[in-house]
Full PDB file with SEQRES, HELIX, SHEET, SSBOND, CRYST1, ORIGX, SCALE, CONECT and MASTER records, all heavy atoms in Angstrom:
SEQRES   1 A   37  ARG ALA MET LEU PRO HIS ARG LEU ALA HIS ALA VAL LEU          
SEQRES   2 A   37  VAL GLN MET GLU SER ALA GLY ASP SER PRO ASP ASP ARG          
SEQRES   3 A   37  VAL GLN GLY ALA VAL ALA ARG SER ARG PRO VAL                  
HELIX    1 AA1 LEU A    4  SER A   18  1                                  15    
HELIX    2 AA2 ASP A   25  ARG A   33  1                                   9    
CRYST1    1.000    1.000    1.000  90.00  90.00  90.00 P 1           1          
ORIGX1      1.000000  0.000000  0.000000        0.00000                         
ORIGX2      0.000000  1.000000  0.000000        0.00000                         
ORIGX3      0.000000  0.000000  1.000000        0.00000                         
SCALE1      1.000000  0.000000  0.000000        0.00000                         
SCALE2      0.000000  1.000000  0.000000        0.00000                         
SCALE3      0.000000  0.000000  1.000000        0.00000                         
ATOM      1  N   ARG A   1     -68.085  48.442 -70.801  1.00  0.00           N  
ATOM      2  CA  ARG A   1     -67.600  49.577 -70.004  1.00  0.00           C  
ATOM      3  C   ARG A   1     -67.827  49.328 -68.515  1.00  0.00           C  
ATOM      4  O   ARG A   1     -66.970  49.652 -67.679  1.00  0.00           O  
ATOM      5  CB  ARG A   1     -68.324  50.847 -70.454  1.00  0.00           C  
ATOM      6  CG  ARG A   1     -67.924  52.093 -69.684  1.00  0.00           C  
ATOM      7  CD  ARG A   1     -68.599  53.337 -70.267  1.00  0.00           C  
ATOM      8  NE  ARG A   1     -68.144  54.516 -69.548  1.00  0.00           N  
ATOM      9  CZ  ARG A   1     -68.747  55.012 -68.469  1.00  0.00           C  
ATOM     10  NH1 ARG A   1     -69.846  54.431 -67.994  1.00  0.00           N  
ATOM     11  NH2 ARG A   1     -68.270  56.085 -67.874  1.00  0.00           N  
ATOM     12  N   ALA A   2     -68.959  48.741 -68.177  1.00  0.00           N  
ATOM     13  CA  ALA A   2     -69.245  48.449 -66.770  1.00  0.00           C  
ATOM     14  C   ALA A   2     -68.325  47.369 -66.218  1.00  0.00           C  
ATOM     15  O   ALA A   2     -68.058  47.319 -65.002  1.00  0.00           O  
ATOM     16  CB  ALA A   2     -70.703  48.024 -66.623  1.00  0.00           C  
ATOM     17  N   MET A   3     -67.829  46.494 -67.097  1.00  0.00           N  
ATOM     18  CA  MET A   3     -66.925  45.424 -66.651  1.00  0.00           C  
ATOM     19  C   MET A   3     -65.513  45.934 -66.372  1.00  0.00           C  
ATOM     20  O   MET A   3     -64.787  45.344 -65.566  1.00  0.00           O  
ATOM     21  CB  MET A   3     -66.840  44.330 -67.722  1.00  0.00           C  
ATOM     22  CG  MET A   3     -68.122  43.587 -67.997  1.00  0.00           C  
ATOM     23  SD  MET A   3     -67.860  42.394 -69.343  1.00  0.00           S  
ATOM     24  CE  MET A   3     -69.547  41.921 -69.688  1.00  0.00           C  
ATOM     25  N   LEU A   4     -65.111  47.011 -67.045  1.00  0.00           N  
ATOM     26  CA  LEU A   4     -63.718  47.441 -66.986  1.00  0.00           C  
ATOM     27  C   LEU A   4     -63.224  47.731 -65.565  1.00  0.00           C  
ATOM     28  O   LEU A   4     -62.139  47.248 -65.183  1.00  0.00           O  
ATOM     29  CB  LEU A   4     -63.505  48.654 -67.897  1.00  0.00           C  
ATOM     30  CG  LEU A   4     -62.082  49.210 -67.948  1.00  0.00           C  
ATOM     31  CD1 LEU A   4     -61.094  48.129 -68.393  1.00  0.00           C  
ATOM     32  CD2 LEU A   4     -62.012  50.430 -68.874  1.00  0.00           C  
ATOM     33  N   PRO A   5     -63.949  48.507 -64.741  1.00  0.00           N  
ATOM     34  CA  PRO A   5     -63.441  48.755 -63.381  1.00  0.00           C  
ATOM     35  C   PRO A   5     -63.219  47.467 -62.592  1.00  0.00           C  
ATOM     36  O   PRO A   5     -62.261  47.359 -61.819  1.00  0.00           O  
ATOM     37  CB  PRO A   5     -64.531  49.622 -62.744  1.00  0.00           C  
ATOM     38  CG  PRO A   5     -65.222  50.272 -63.895  1.00  0.00           C  
ATOM     39  CD  PRO A   5     -65.207  49.254 -64.990  1.00  0.00           C  
ATOM     40  N   HIS A   6     -64.080  46.478 -62.781  1.00  0.00           N  
ATOM     41  CA  HIS A   6     -63.946  45.217 -62.056  1.00  0.00           C  
ATOM     42  C   HIS A   6     -62.742  44.424 -62.555  1.00  0.00           C  
ATOM     43  O   HIS A   6     -62.045  43.776 -61.760  1.00  0.00           O  
ATOM     44  CB  HIS A   6     -65.224  44.393 -62.195  1.00  0.00           C  
ATOM     45  CG  HIS A   6     -66.422  45.060 -61.595  1.00  0.00           C  
ATOM     46  ND1 HIS A   6     -66.709  45.008 -60.240  1.00  0.00           N  
ATOM     47  CD2 HIS A   6     -67.404  45.823 -62.158  1.00  0.00           C  
ATOM     48  CE1 HIS A   6     -67.806  45.700 -59.996  1.00  0.00           C  
ATOM     49  NE2 HIS A   6     -68.247  46.199 -61.140  1.00  0.00           N  
ATOM     50  N   ARG A   7     -62.475  44.488 -63.865  1.00  0.00           N  
ATOM     51  CA  ARG A   7     -61.303  43.800 -64.393  1.00  0.00           C  
ATOM     52  C   ARG A   7     -60.019  44.473 -63.909  1.00  0.00           C  
ATOM     53  O   ARG A   7     -59.035  43.807 -63.584  1.00  0.00           O  
ATOM     54  CB  ARG A   7     -61.355  43.781 -65.922  1.00  0.00           C  
ATOM     55  CG  ARG A   7     -62.518  42.966 -66.499  1.00  0.00           C  
ATOM     56  CD  ARG A   7     -62.455  41.501 -66.039  1.00  0.00           C  
ATOM     57  NE  ARG A   7     -61.163  40.917 -66.350  1.00  0.00           N  
ATOM     58  CZ  ARG A   7     -60.861  40.376 -67.530  1.00  0.00           C  
ATOM     59  NH1 ARG A   7     -61.768  40.360 -68.500  1.00  0.00           N  
ATOM     60  NH2 ARG A   7     -59.662  39.857 -67.739  1.00  0.00           N  
ATOM     61  N   LEU A   8     -60.030  45.799 -63.868  1.00  0.00           N  
ATOM     62  CA  LEU A   8     -58.868  46.520 -63.342  1.00  0.00           C  
ATOM     63  C   LEU A   8     -58.664  46.214 -61.864  1.00  0.00           C  
ATOM     64  O   LEU A   8     -57.525  46.010 -61.389  1.00  0.00           O  
ATOM     65  CB  LEU A   8     -59.040  48.026 -63.549  1.00  0.00           C  
ATOM     66  CG  LEU A   8     -59.072  48.510 -65.008  1.00  0.00           C  
ATOM     67  CD1 LEU A   8     -59.408  49.999 -65.060  1.00  0.00           C  
ATOM     68  CD2 LEU A   8     -57.746  48.236 -65.709  1.00  0.00           C  
ATOM     69  N   ALA A   9     -59.750  46.173 -61.098  1.00  0.00           N  
ATOM     70  CA  ALA A   9     -59.664  45.862 -59.670  1.00  0.00           C  
ATOM     71  C   ALA A   9     -59.132  44.450 -59.465  1.00  0.00           C  
ATOM     72  O   ALA A   9     -58.356  44.183 -58.523  1.00  0.00           O  
ATOM     73  CB  ALA A   9     -61.035  46.018 -59.013  1.00  0.00           C  
ATOM     74  N   HIS A  10     -59.543  43.530 -60.342  1.00  0.00           N  
ATOM     75  CA  HIS A  10     -59.044  42.152 -60.232  1.00  0.00           C  
ATOM     76  C   HIS A  10     -57.533  42.107 -60.444  1.00  0.00           C  
ATOM     77  O   HIS A  10     -56.816  41.359 -59.742  1.00  0.00           O  
ATOM     78  CB  HIS A  10     -59.752  41.269 -61.257  1.00  0.00           C  
ATOM     79  CG  HIS A  10     -59.266  39.849 -61.245  1.00  0.00           C  
ATOM     80  ND1 HIS A  10     -59.576  38.968 -60.244  1.00  0.00           N  
ATOM     81  CD2 HIS A  10     -58.457  39.160 -62.119  1.00  0.00           C  
ATOM     82  CE1 HIS A  10     -59.002  37.803 -60.487  1.00  0.00           C  
ATOM     83  NE2 HIS A  10     -58.316  37.886 -61.621  1.00  0.00           N  
ATOM     84  N   ALA A  11     -57.044  42.909 -61.422  1.00  0.00           N  
ATOM     85  CA  ALA A  11     -55.596  42.959 -61.649  1.00  0.00           C  
ATOM     86  C   ALA A  11     -54.863  43.473 -60.409  1.00  0.00           C  
ATOM     87  O   ALA A  11     -53.767  42.995 -60.059  1.00  0.00           O  
ATOM     88  CB  ALA A  11     -55.291  43.848 -62.858  1.00  0.00           C  
ATOM     89  N   VAL A  12     -55.448  44.440 -59.700  1.00  0.00           N  
ATOM     90  CA  VAL A  12     -54.853  44.947 -58.457  1.00  0.00           C  
ATOM     91  C   VAL A  12     -54.860  43.855 -57.392  1.00  0.00           C  
ATOM     92  O   VAL A  12     -53.862  43.662 -56.662  1.00  0.00           O  
ATOM     93  CB  VAL A  12     -55.610  46.202 -57.974  1.00  0.00           C  
ATOM     94  CG1 VAL A  12     -55.118  46.623 -56.591  1.00  0.00           C  
ATOM     95  CG2 VAL A  12     -55.449  47.345 -58.972  1.00  0.00           C  
ATOM     96  N   LEU A  13     -55.968  43.106 -57.284  1.00  0.00           N  
ATOM     97  CA  LEU A  13     -56.056  42.048 -56.275  1.00  0.00           C  
ATOM     98  C   LEU A  13     -55.030  40.947 -56.515  1.00  0.00           C  
ATOM     99  O   LEU A  13     -54.496  40.367 -55.559  1.00  0.00           O  
ATOM    100  CB  LEU A  13     -57.471  41.452 -56.255  1.00  0.00           C  
ATOM    101  CG  LEU A  13     -58.349  41.947 -55.088  1.00  0.00           C  
ATOM    102  CD1 LEU A  13     -58.633  43.444 -55.251  1.00  0.00           C  
ATOM    103  CD2 LEU A  13     -59.646  41.167 -55.028  1.00  0.00           C  
ATOM    104  N   VAL A  14     -54.769  40.647 -57.774  1.00  0.00           N  
ATOM    105  CA  VAL A  14     -53.749  39.642 -58.085  1.00  0.00           C  
ATOM    106  C   VAL A  14     -52.395  40.084 -57.525  1.00  0.00           C  
ATOM    107  O   VAL A  14     -51.633  39.282 -56.960  1.00  0.00           O  
ATOM    108  CB  VAL A  14     -53.667  39.406 -59.606  1.00  0.00           C  
ATOM    109  CG1 VAL A  14     -52.447  38.563 -59.957  1.00  0.00           C  
ATOM    110  CG2 VAL A  14     -54.939  38.725 -60.102  1.00  0.00           C  
ATOM    111  N   GLN A  15     -52.094  41.368 -57.668  1.00  0.00           N  
ATOM    112  CA  GLN A  15     -50.829  41.890 -57.117  1.00  0.00           C  
ATOM    113  C   GLN A  15     -50.835  41.824 -55.591  1.00  0.00           C  
ATOM    114  O   GLN A  15     -49.809  41.512 -54.960  1.00  0.00           O  
ATOM    115  CB  GLN A  15     -50.606  43.332 -57.592  1.00  0.00           C  
ATOM    116  CG  GLN A  15     -50.363  43.462 -59.088  1.00  0.00           C  
ATOM    117  CD  GLN A  15     -49.956  44.873 -59.477  1.00  0.00           C  
ATOM    118  OE1 GLN A  15     -49.467  45.636 -58.647  1.00  0.00           O  
ATOM    119  NE2 GLN A  15     -50.143  45.207 -60.752  1.00  0.00           N  
ATOM    120  N   MET A  16     -51.994  42.140 -54.989  1.00  0.00           N  
ATOM    121  CA  MET A  16     -52.086  42.055 -53.523  1.00  0.00           C  
ATOM    122  C   MET A  16     -51.818  40.629 -53.041  1.00  0.00           C  
ATOM    123  O   MET A  16     -51.098  40.400 -52.056  1.00  0.00           O  
ATOM    124  CB  MET A  16     -53.473  42.501 -53.056  1.00  0.00           C  
ATOM    125  CG  MET A  16     -53.743  43.992 -53.220  1.00  0.00           C  
ATOM    126  SD  MET A  16     -55.411  44.399 -52.637  1.00  0.00           S  
ATOM    127  CE  MET A  16     -55.415  46.181 -52.861  1.00  0.00           C  
ATOM    128  N   GLU A  17     -52.402  39.670 -53.718  1.00  0.00           N  
ATOM    129  CA  GLU A  17     -52.203  38.279 -53.324  1.00  0.00           C  
ATOM    130  C   GLU A  17     -50.750  37.871 -53.504  1.00  0.00           C  
ATOM    131  O   GLU A  17     -50.185  37.126 -52.680  1.00  0.00           O  
ATOM    132  CB  GLU A  17     -53.130  37.379 -54.148  1.00  0.00           C  
ATOM    133  CG  GLU A  17     -54.600  37.537 -53.789  1.00  0.00           C  
ATOM    134  CD  GLU A  17     -55.515  36.809 -54.757  1.00  0.00           C  
ATOM    135  OE1 GLU A  17     -55.014  36.383 -55.830  1.00  0.00           O  
ATOM    136  OE2 GLU A  17     -56.708  36.663 -54.453  1.00  0.00           O  
ATOM    137  N   SER A  18     -50.120  38.355 -54.591  1.00  0.00           N  
ATOM    138  CA  SER A  18     -48.707  38.033 -54.829  1.00  0.00           C  
ATOM    139  C   SER A  18     -47.822  38.621 -53.737  1.00  0.00           C  
ATOM    140  O   SER A  18     -46.738  38.095 -53.431  1.00  0.00           O  
ATOM    141  CB  SER A  18     -48.261  38.562 -56.199  1.00  0.00           C  
ATOM    142  OG  SER A  18     -49.002  37.955 -57.227  1.00  0.00           O  
ATOM    143  N   ALA A  19     -48.294  39.742 -53.135  1.00  0.00           N  
ATOM    144  CA  ALA A  19     -47.520  40.385 -52.067  1.00  0.00           C  
ATOM    145  C   ALA A  19     -47.807  39.769 -50.705  1.00  0.00           C  
ATOM    146  O   ALA A  19     -47.282  40.232 -49.686  1.00  0.00           O  
ATOM    147  CB  ALA A  19     -47.823  41.877 -52.045  1.00  0.00           C  
ATOM    148  N   GLY A  20     -48.653  38.737 -50.643  1.00  0.00           N  
ATOM    149  CA  GLY A  20     -48.917  38.060 -49.381  1.00  0.00           C  
ATOM    150  C   GLY A  20     -50.206  38.452 -48.713  1.00  0.00           C  
ATOM    151  O   GLY A  20     -50.552  37.903 -47.660  1.00  0.00           O  
ATOM    152  N   ASP A  21     -50.986  39.412 -49.273  1.00  0.00           N  
ATOM    153  CA  ASP A  21     -52.274  39.789 -48.687  1.00  0.00           C  
ATOM    154  C   ASP A  21     -53.324  38.723 -49.014  1.00  0.00           C  
ATOM    155  O   ASP A  21     -53.133  37.879 -49.899  1.00  0.00           O  
ATOM    156  CB  ASP A  21     -52.735  41.140 -49.225  1.00  0.00           C  
ATOM    157  CG  ASP A  21     -51.876  42.285 -48.698  1.00  0.00           C  
ATOM    158  OD1 ASP A  21     -51.077  42.035 -47.773  1.00  0.00           O  
ATOM    159  OD2 ASP A  21     -51.997  43.409 -49.231  1.00  0.00           O  
ATOM    160  N   SER A  22     -54.466  38.807 -48.329  1.00  0.00           N  
ATOM    161  CA  SER A  22     -55.579  37.879 -48.578  1.00  0.00           C  
ATOM    162  C   SER A  22     -56.870  38.663 -48.802  1.00  0.00           C  
ATOM    163  O   SER A  22     -57.811  38.608 -47.987  1.00  0.00           O  
ATOM    164  CB  SER A  22     -55.739  36.911 -47.398  1.00  0.00           C  
ATOM    165  OG  SER A  22     -54.558  36.170 -47.194  1.00  0.00           O  
ATOM    166  N   PRO A  23     -56.938  39.436 -49.865  1.00  0.00           N  
ATOM    167  CA  PRO A  23     -58.140  40.247 -50.118  1.00  0.00           C  
ATOM    168  C   PRO A  23     -59.321  39.367 -50.516  1.00  0.00           C  
ATOM    169  O   PRO A  23     -59.153  38.323 -51.144  1.00  0.00           O  
ATOM    170  CB  PRO A  23     -57.704  41.154 -51.274  1.00  0.00           C  
ATOM    171  CG  PRO A  23     -56.670  40.357 -52.006  1.00  0.00           C  
ATOM    172  CD  PRO A  23     -55.932  39.574 -50.956  1.00  0.00           C  
ATOM    173  N   ASP A  24     -60.540  39.795 -50.148  1.00  0.00           N  
ATOM    174  CA  ASP A  24     -61.747  39.062 -50.551  1.00  0.00           C  
ATOM    175  C   ASP A  24     -62.542  39.893 -51.557  1.00  0.00           C  
ATOM    176  O   ASP A  24     -62.086  40.941 -52.028  1.00  0.00           O  
ATOM    177  CB  ASP A  24     -62.598  38.722 -49.330  1.00  0.00           C  
ATOM    178  CG  ASP A  24     -62.968  39.958 -48.506  1.00  0.00           C  
ATOM    179  OD1 ASP A  24     -62.871  41.085 -49.045  1.00  0.00           O  
ATOM    180  OD2 ASP A  24     -63.356  39.794 -47.330  1.00  0.00           O  
ATOM    181  N   ASP A  25     -63.764  39.433 -51.855  1.00  0.00           N  
ATOM    182  CA  ASP A  25     -64.595  40.101 -52.863  1.00  0.00           C  
ATOM    183  C   ASP A  25     -64.942  41.523 -52.452  1.00  0.00           C  
ATOM    184  O   ASP A  25     -65.100  42.405 -53.300  1.00  0.00           O  
ATOM    185  CB  ASP A  25     -65.882  39.308 -53.103  1.00  0.00           C  
ATOM    186  CG  ASP A  25     -65.622  37.996 -53.826  1.00  0.00           C  
ATOM    187  OD1 ASP A  25     -64.523  37.860 -54.399  1.00  0.00           O  
ATOM    188  OD2 ASP A  25     -66.512  37.123 -53.815  1.00  0.00           O  
ATOM    189  N   ARG A  26     -65.058  41.757 -51.125  1.00  0.00           N  
ATOM    190  CA  ARG A  26     -65.391  43.109 -50.677  1.00  0.00           C  
ATOM    191  C   ARG A  26     -64.265  44.082 -51.004  1.00  0.00           C  
ATOM    192  O   ARG A  26     -64.510  45.229 -51.368  1.00  0.00           O  
ATOM    193  CB  ARG A  26     -65.662  43.109 -49.176  1.00  0.00           C  
ATOM    194  CG  ARG A  26     -66.963  42.404 -48.776  1.00  0.00           C  
ATOM    195  CD  ARG A  26     -67.108  42.326 -47.285  1.00  0.00           C  
ATOM    196  NE  ARG A  26     -66.021  41.526 -46.698  1.00  0.00           N  
ATOM    197  CZ  ARG A  26     -65.853  41.351 -45.392  1.00  0.00           C  
ATOM    198  NH1 ARG A  26     -66.687  41.947 -44.536  1.00  0.00           N  
ATOM    199  NH2 ARG A  26     -64.849  40.611 -44.930  1.00  0.00           N  
ATOM    200  N   VAL A  27     -63.048  43.605 -50.908  1.00  0.00           N  
ATOM    201  CA  VAL A  27     -61.915  44.455 -51.255  1.00  0.00           C  
ATOM    202  C   VAL A  27     -61.921  44.761 -52.747  1.00  0.00           C  
ATOM    203  O   VAL A  27     -61.702  45.905 -53.162  1.00  0.00           O  
ATOM    204  CB  VAL A  27     -60.583  43.787 -50.841  1.00  0.00           C  
ATOM    205  CG1 VAL A  27     -59.394  44.616 -51.330  1.00  0.00           C  
ATOM    206  CG2 VAL A  27     -60.526  43.601 -49.334  1.00  0.00           C  
ATOM    207  N   GLN A  28     -62.202  43.732 -53.559  1.00  0.00           N  
ATOM    208  CA  GLN A  28     -62.243  43.962 -55.005  1.00  0.00           C  
ATOM    209  C   GLN A  28     -63.321  44.978 -55.353  1.00  0.00           C  
ATOM    210  O   GLN A  28     -63.116  45.867 -56.183  1.00  0.00           O  
ATOM    211  CB  GLN A  28     -62.494  42.665 -55.763  1.00  0.00           C  
ATOM    212  CG  GLN A  28     -62.555  42.874 -57.287  1.00  0.00           C  
ATOM    213  CD  GLN A  28     -62.601  41.569 -58.053  1.00  0.00           C  
ATOM    214  OE1 GLN A  28     -62.174  40.543 -57.561  1.00  0.00           O  
ATOM    215  NE2 GLN A  28     -63.105  41.629 -59.272  1.00  0.00           N  
ATOM    216  N   GLY A  29     -64.495  44.865 -54.701  1.00  0.00           N  
ATOM    217  CA  GLY A  29     -65.564  45.819 -54.963  1.00  0.00           C  
ATOM    218  C   GLY A  29     -65.175  47.227 -54.574  1.00  0.00           C  
ATOM    219  O   GLY A  29     -65.479  48.191 -55.281  1.00  0.00           O  
ATOM    220  N   ALA A  30     -64.490  47.351 -53.433  1.00  0.00           N  
ATOM    221  CA  ALA A  30     -64.064  48.681 -52.975  1.00  0.00           C  
ATOM    222  C   ALA A  30     -63.047  49.281 -53.932  1.00  0.00           C  
ATOM    223  O   ALA A  30     -63.085  50.490 -54.225  1.00  0.00           O  
ATOM    224  CB  ALA A  30     -63.479  48.576 -51.572  1.00  0.00           C  
ATOM    225  N   VAL A  31     -62.114  48.464 -54.427  1.00  0.00           N  
ATOM    226  CA  VAL A  31     -61.127  48.964 -55.389  1.00  0.00           C  
ATOM    227  C   VAL A  31     -61.816  49.393 -56.683  1.00  0.00           C  
ATOM    228  O   VAL A  31     -61.501  50.442 -57.257  1.00  0.00           O  
ATOM    229  CB  VAL A  31     -60.052  47.890 -55.669  1.00  0.00           C  
ATOM    230  CG1 VAL A  31     -59.135  48.336 -56.807  1.00  0.00           C  
ATOM    231  CG2 VAL A  31     -59.251  47.594 -54.417  1.00  0.00           C  
ATOM    232  N   ALA A  32     -62.796  48.575 -57.157  1.00  0.00           N  
ATOM    233  CA  ALA A  32     -63.495  48.909 -58.401  1.00  0.00           C  
ATOM    234  C   ALA A  32     -64.252  50.225 -58.270  1.00  0.00           C  
ATOM    235  O   ALA A  32     -64.389  50.972 -59.252  1.00  0.00           O  
ATOM    236  CB  ALA A  32     -64.449  47.777 -58.779  1.00  0.00           C  
ATOM    237  N   ARG A  33     -64.738  50.520 -57.044  1.00  0.00           N  
ATOM    238  CA  ARG A  33     -65.505  51.752 -56.830  1.00  0.00           C  
ATOM    239  C   ARG A  33     -64.625  52.937 -56.445  1.00  0.00           C  
ATOM    240  O   ARG A  33     -65.117  54.058 -56.326  1.00  0.00           O  
ATOM    241  CB  ARG A  33     -66.554  51.533 -55.739  1.00  0.00           C  
ATOM    242  CG  ARG A  33     -67.645  50.541 -56.117  1.00  0.00           C  
ATOM    243  CD  ARG A  33     -68.766  50.567 -55.083  1.00  0.00           C  
ATOM    244  NE  ARG A  33     -68.275  50.202 -53.742  1.00  0.00           N  
ATOM    245  CZ  ARG A  33     -68.215  48.959 -53.270  1.00  0.00           C  
ATOM    246  NH1 ARG A  33     -68.597  47.947 -54.047  1.00  0.00           N  
ATOM    247  NH2 ARG A  33     -67.777  48.718 -52.044  1.00  0.00           N  
ATOM    248  N   SER A  34     -63.364  52.699 -56.248  1.00  0.00           N  
ATOM    249  CA  SER A  34     -62.474  53.781 -55.798  1.00  0.00           C  
ATOM    250  C   SER A  34     -62.325  54.851 -56.867  1.00  0.00           C  
ATOM    251  O   SER A  34     -62.449  54.584 -58.071  1.00  0.00           O  
ATOM    252  CB  SER A  34     -61.097  53.213 -55.431  1.00  0.00           C  
ATOM    253  OG  SER A  34     -60.437  52.719 -56.589  1.00  0.00           O  
ATOM    254  N   ARG A  35     -62.053  56.070 -56.421  1.00  0.00           N  
ATOM    255  CA  ARG A  35     -61.956  57.202 -57.340  1.00  0.00           C  
ATOM    256  C   ARG A  35     -60.867  57.019 -58.403  1.00  0.00           C  
ATOM    257  O   ARG A  35     -61.125  57.289 -59.583  1.00  0.00           O  
ATOM    258  CB  ARG A  35     -61.737  58.486 -56.545  1.00  0.00           C  
ATOM    259  CG  ARG A  35     -61.724  59.738 -57.419  1.00  0.00           C  
ATOM    260  CD  ARG A  35     -61.656  60.991 -56.573  1.00  0.00           C  
ATOM    261  NE  ARG A  35     -62.819  61.082 -55.691  1.00  0.00           N  
ATOM    262  CZ  ARG A  35     -62.973  62.045 -54.789  1.00  0.00           C  
ATOM    263  NH1 ARG A  35     -62.030  62.968 -54.623  1.00  0.00           N  
ATOM    264  NH2 ARG A  35     -64.051  62.081 -54.027  1.00  0.00           N  
ATOM    265  N   PRO A  36     -59.674  56.537 -58.078  1.00  0.00           N  
ATOM    266  CA  PRO A  36     -58.648  56.385 -59.122  1.00  0.00           C  
ATOM    267  C   PRO A  36     -59.057  55.397 -60.213  1.00  0.00           C  
ATOM    268  O   PRO A  36     -58.819  55.641 -61.399  1.00  0.00           O  
ATOM    269  CB  PRO A  36     -57.423  55.886 -58.343  1.00  0.00           C  
ATOM    270  CG  PRO A  36     -57.643  56.340 -56.942  1.00  0.00           C  
ATOM    271  CD  PRO A  36     -59.113  56.261 -56.725  1.00  0.00           C  
ATOM    272  N   VAL A  37     -59.658  54.266 -59.799  1.00  0.00           N  
ATOM    273  CA  VAL A  37     -60.059  53.259 -60.796  1.00  0.00           C  
ATOM    274  C   VAL A  37     -61.199  53.784 -61.663  1.00  0.00           C  
ATOM    275  O   VAL A  37     -61.190  53.631 -62.887  1.00  0.00           O  
ATOM    276  CB  VAL A  37     -60.445  51.938 -60.104  1.00  0.00           C  
ATOM    277  CG1 VAL A  37     -61.062  50.967 -61.115  1.00  0.00           C  
ATOM    278  CG2 VAL A  37     -59.233  51.316 -59.435  1.00  0.00           C  
TER     279      VAL A  37                                                      
MASTER        0    0    0    2    0    0    0    6  278    1    0    3          
END                                                                             
């Protein structure tokens, strides 16, 4: 259960990278902690 938000955040980061962004680990952590995720 604790892994799930991080796996979901990773899926979002993959899309960001495909769109030309360059997110780092801090971005992934912020997405994993975000209210929607």
